[in-house]
Amino acid sequence: MNRVTMSGNDSFWVRVRAVLGRNPAEPAYGQSAIGNPEKKSRPAQRIEEELRRGWTESAQRHVSLCVLAMEMDRYPEYFAAYGKDVVEHSLDHLLETIRPLLPAPSIHCLRQGRAGFVLVLPDMPVLMARDLASRIAKAIRQENLPNRESHAGQVTLSMGLAITNPQGGFDRAVLHNANQAVKRAQRRGLARLEVMDLRAKPEKRKKAA
């Protein structure tokens, strides 16, 4: 069977890709390069490292683990109206606004996806995590970054808080649930907080039985 390859004339195919706009070395802004599914970007690696560290610490101390995910509301409209440079400036500004509110030097605010952040909070009661989310929302409102594409008139973050009691092997489902909570919050409005308490599930199943 004959096989067509690009070897011997790579520069020609590079020019063809450029004309067609299909250069794989330049993925669209916010997209991950498609390749080895095991290969993570540096931000994703940092989140994974923080999540594993928080899980291990909480499991060893028999305490709860909270994960707070945050995402800019109406990001696609904001990006289309203001452009990449303004969006990145706003996200950097939000990061600098959040950092002074973090409860300990070991807690880091990490970028996630195109317009989100994640906090991994080991040994933090859910009421304290909710209070932290409230203080972050208040600080962002006070910054009053303009967003004419939002009904709020300014940049806002919706948040999803997931809490679990780590047991056994590492399970990243807590991060998935925090991200799902963000999506639920955004479906319900702007600058909302949704909480998913994963600890209650076994109790609910017992009551149902």
Protein backbone atom coordinates (compact mmCIF):
# COMPACT_ATOMS: atom_id res chain seq x y z
CA MET A 1 0.00 0.00 0.00
CA ASN A 2 1.39 3.40 -0.95
CA ARG A 3 1.67 5.99 1.79
CA VAL A 4 1.84 9.72 1.22
CA THR A 5 4.24 11.59 3.48
CA MET A 6 5.59 15.13 3.72
CA SER A 7 9.25 14.15 4.03
CA GLY A 8 11.55 15.76 1.52
CA ASN A 9 9.39 18.85 1.03
CA ASP A 10 8.39 20.02 4.50
CA SER A 11 8.65 23.72 3.67
CA PHE A 12 6.03 23.34 0.92
CA TRP A 13 3.52 21.81 3.35
CA VAL A 14 4.26 24.49 5.94
CA ARG A 15 3.34 27.13 3.33
CA VAL A 16 0.19 25.20 2.42
CA ARG A 17 -0.89 25.08 6.08
CA ALA A 18 -0.22 28.79 6.42
CA VAL A 19 -2.42 29.57 3.41
CA LEU A 20 -5.18 27.30 4.67
CA GLY A 21 -4.91 28.58 8.23
CA ARG A 22 -4.27 25.10 9.60
CA ASN A 23 -0.90 25.52 11.25
CA PRO A 24 -1.01 23.06 14.17
CA ALA A 25 1.73 24.94 15.98
CA GLU A 26 -0.64 27.85 16.59
CA PRO A 27 -3.83 26.64 18.31
CA ALA A 28 -6.61 29.16 18.78
CA TYR A 29 -6.43 31.24 21.91
CA GLY A 30 -7.66 29.32 24.92
CA GLN A 31 -7.45 25.93 23.21
CA SER A 32 -5.07 23.17 24.22
CA ALA A 33 -2.80 21.68 21.61
CA ILE A 34 -4.13 18.28 20.59
CA GLY A 35 -1.56 15.55 21.06
CA ASN A 36 -0.62 13.06 23.72
CA PRO A 37 -3.63 12.99 26.12
CA GLU A 38 -1.25 12.30 29.01
CA LYS A 39 0.69 15.51 28.34
CA LYS A 40 -0.70 18.39 30.38
CA SER A 41 -0.02 22.10 30.10
CA ARG A 42 1.96 23.69 32.92
CA PRO A 43 -1.16 25.30 34.52
CA ALA A 44 -2.94 21.94 34.46
CA GLN A 45 0.11 20.26 36.01
CA ARG A 46 0.20 22.81 38.82
CA ILE A 47 -3.48 22.25 39.56
CA GLU A 48 -2.89 18.49 39.60
CA GLU A 49 0.07 18.89 41.95
CA GLU A 50 -1.85 21.16 44.33
CA LEU A 51 -4.86 18.85 44.28
CA ARG A 52 -2.76 15.78 45.06
CA ARG A 53 -0.94 17.62 47.84
CA GLY A 54 -4.21 18.83 49.35
CA TRP A 55 -5.78 15.39 49.06
CA THR A 56 -2.83 13.68 50.77
CA GLU A 57 -2.65 16.27 53.54
CA SER A 58 -6.38 16.10 54.24
CA ALA A 59 -6.47 12.29 54.16
CA GLN A 60 -3.55 12.00 56.57
CA ARG A 61 -5.10 14.46 59.01
CA HIS A 62 -8.65 13.12 58.55
CA VAL A 63 -10.00 16.55 57.65
CA SER A 64 -12.11 17.87 54.79
CA LEU A 65 -10.83 19.25 51.49
CA CYS A 66 -12.47 22.19 49.73
CA VAL A 67 -11.88 23.17 46.12
CA LEU A 68 -13.06 26.60 44.98
CA ALA A 69 -13.29 27.08 41.21
CA MET A 70 -13.93 30.53 39.74
CA GLU A 71 -14.63 31.67 36.18
CA MET A 72 -15.19 35.02 34.53
CA ASP A 73 -18.84 35.55 33.63
CA ARG A 74 -19.74 36.12 29.96
CA TYR A 75 -16.16 35.48 28.90
CA PRO A 76 -16.83 34.90 25.16
CA GLU A 77 -18.68 38.21 24.84
CA TYR A 78 -16.03 40.02 26.88
CA PHE A 79 -13.24 38.57 24.73
CA ALA A 80 -15.04 39.50 21.49
CA ALA A 81 -15.71 43.07 22.68
CA TYR A 82 -12.35 43.89 24.27
CA GLY A 83 -9.75 41.55 22.75
CA LYS A 84 -7.08 39.25 24.10
CA ASP A 85 -4.79 41.89 25.61
CA VAL A 86 -7.54 43.48 27.71
CA VAL A 87 -8.80 40.06 28.81
CA GLU A 88 -5.33 38.97 29.94
CA HIS A 89 -4.81 42.28 31.74
CA SER A 90 -8.14 41.82 33.54
CA LEU A 91 -7.31 38.25 34.53
CA ASP A 92 -3.92 39.34 35.88
CA HIS A 93 -5.68 42.10 37.81
CA LEU A 94 -8.17 39.61 39.26
CA LEU A 95 -5.33 37.33 40.29
CA GLU A 96 -3.60 40.19 42.13
CA THR A 97 -6.92 41.05 43.80
CA ILE A 98 -7.44 37.48 45.03
CA ARG A 99 -3.91 36.77 46.28
CA PRO A 100 -3.96 39.00 49.42
CA LEU A 101 -7.14 37.23 50.56
CA LEU A 102 -5.63 33.73 50.57
CA PRO A 103 -5.65 32.21 54.06
CA ALA A 104 -2.08 30.85 54.09
CA PRO A 105 1.20 31.13 52.12
CA SER A 106 0.80 27.50 51.08
CA ILE A 107 -2.49 28.27 49.27
CA HIS A 108 -2.08 29.39 45.66
CA CYS A 109 -4.53 30.88 43.20
CA LEU A 110 -3.97 28.96 39.96
CA ARG A 111 -5.17 29.78 36.46
CA GLN A 112 -7.53 27.26 34.92
CA GLY A 113 -8.68 27.17 31.32
CA ARG A 114 -9.25 30.39 29.40
CA ALA A 115 -10.74 32.55 32.14
CA GLY A 116 -10.77 30.69 35.42
CA PHE A 117 -8.96 30.15 38.70
CA VAL A 118 -8.77 27.35 41.26
CA LEU A 119 -8.04 27.31 44.99
CA VAL A 120 -7.25 24.02 46.72
CA LEU A 121 -8.12 24.42 50.41
CA PRO A 122 -7.17 21.51 52.67
CA ASP A 123 -8.51 21.51 56.24
CA MET A 124 -10.90 24.40 55.62
CA PRO A 125 -14.47 24.09 56.95
CA VAL A 126 -17.13 24.77 54.38
CA LEU A 127 -18.38 27.88 56.22
CA MET A 128 -14.89 29.40 56.10
CA ALA A 129 -14.60 28.51 52.40
CA ARG A 130 -17.95 30.21 51.73
CA ASP A 131 -16.76 33.28 53.63
CA LEU A 132 -13.56 33.34 51.56
CA ALA A 133 -15.63 33.18 48.36
CA SER A 134 -17.78 36.07 49.61
CA ARG A 135 -14.74 38.21 50.40
CA ILE A 136 -13.23 37.51 46.97
CA ALA A 137 -16.51 38.50 45.27
CA LYS A 138 -16.65 41.72 47.30
CA ALA A 139 -13.04 42.62 46.46
CA ILE A 140 -13.68 42.06 42.75
CA ARG A 141 -16.79 44.27 42.86
CA GLN A 142 -14.72 47.01 44.45
CA GLU A 143 -12.19 46.86 41.60
CA ASN A 144 -15.06 47.67 39.21
CA LEU A 145 -13.39 46.47 36.00
CA PRO A 146 -15.76 47.59 33.20
CA ASN A 147 -17.59 45.03 31.06
CA ARG A 148 -20.25 46.53 28.81
CA GLU A 149 -21.25 43.01 27.69
CA SER A 150 -22.50 42.12 31.18
CA HIS A 151 -25.73 43.15 32.86
CA ALA A 152 -23.59 43.90 35.92
CA GLY A 153 -21.64 46.47 33.93
CA GLN A 154 -18.38 45.11 35.27
CA VAL A 155 -16.26 41.98 35.34
CA THR A 156 -17.60 39.34 37.72
CA LEU A 157 -16.67 35.80 38.67
CA SER A 158 -19.04 32.93 39.29
CA MET A 159 -17.81 30.32 41.75
CA GLY A 160 -18.25 26.65 42.49
CA LEU A 161 -17.27 25.15 45.83
CA ALA A 162 -16.88 21.39 46.28
CA ILE A 163 -16.08 19.77 49.60
CA THR A 164 -15.13 16.17 50.32
CA ASN A 165 -13.52 13.95 52.94
CA PRO A 166 -10.52 12.38 51.19
CA GLN A 167 -10.20 8.65 51.76
CA GLY A 168 -8.24 6.02 49.89
CA GLY A 169 -6.51 6.78 46.60
CA PHE A 170 -6.40 10.20 45.01
CA ASP A 171 -9.64 11.19 43.26
CA ARG A 172 -9.82 14.36 41.15
CA ALA A 173 -13.64 14.21 41.08
CA VAL A 174 -13.73 17.00 43.66
CA LEU A 175 -12.25 19.39 41.07
CA HIS A 176 -14.72 18.18 38.44
CA ASN A 177 -17.60 18.84 40.82
CA ALA A 178 -16.30 22.33 41.64
CA ASN A 179 -16.18 23.11 37.91
CA GLN A 180 -19.68 21.73 37.42
CA ALA A 181 -20.87 23.95 40.26
CA VAL A 182 -19.44 26.98 38.44
CA LYS A 183 -21.41 26.10 35.32
CA ARG A 184 -24.57 25.76 37.40
CA ALA A 185 -23.91 29.13 39.01
CA GLN A 186 -23.48 30.79 35.61
CA ARG A 187 -26.71 29.30 34.33
CA ARG A 188 -28.49 30.95 37.24
CA GLY A 189 -26.99 34.42 36.94
CA LEU A 190 -23.87 36.49 37.52
CA ALA A 191 -21.37 36.43 40.39
CA ARG A 192 -23.13 33.49 42.05
CA LEU A 193 -21.76 30.76 44.30
CA GLU A 194 -22.93 27.15 44.07
CA VAL A 195 -21.85 24.55 46.64
CA MET A 196 -21.58 20.79 46.14
CA ASP A 197 -21.04 18.92 49.41
CA LEU A 198 -19.84 15.48 48.39
CA ARG A 199 -19.70 14.33 52.00
CA ALA A 200 -23.50 14.20 52.22
CA LYS A 201 -23.99 11.62 49.47
CA PRO A 202 -23.50 8.47 51.60
CA GLU A 203 -25.89 9.84 54.25
CA LYS A 204 -28.53 10.58 51.61
CA ARG A 205 -28.22 7.05 50.24
CA LYS A 206 -28.70 5.61 53.75
CA LYS A 207 -31.83 7.69 54.30
CA ALA A 208 -33.22 6.65 50.93
CA ALA A 209 -32.70 2.99 51.83
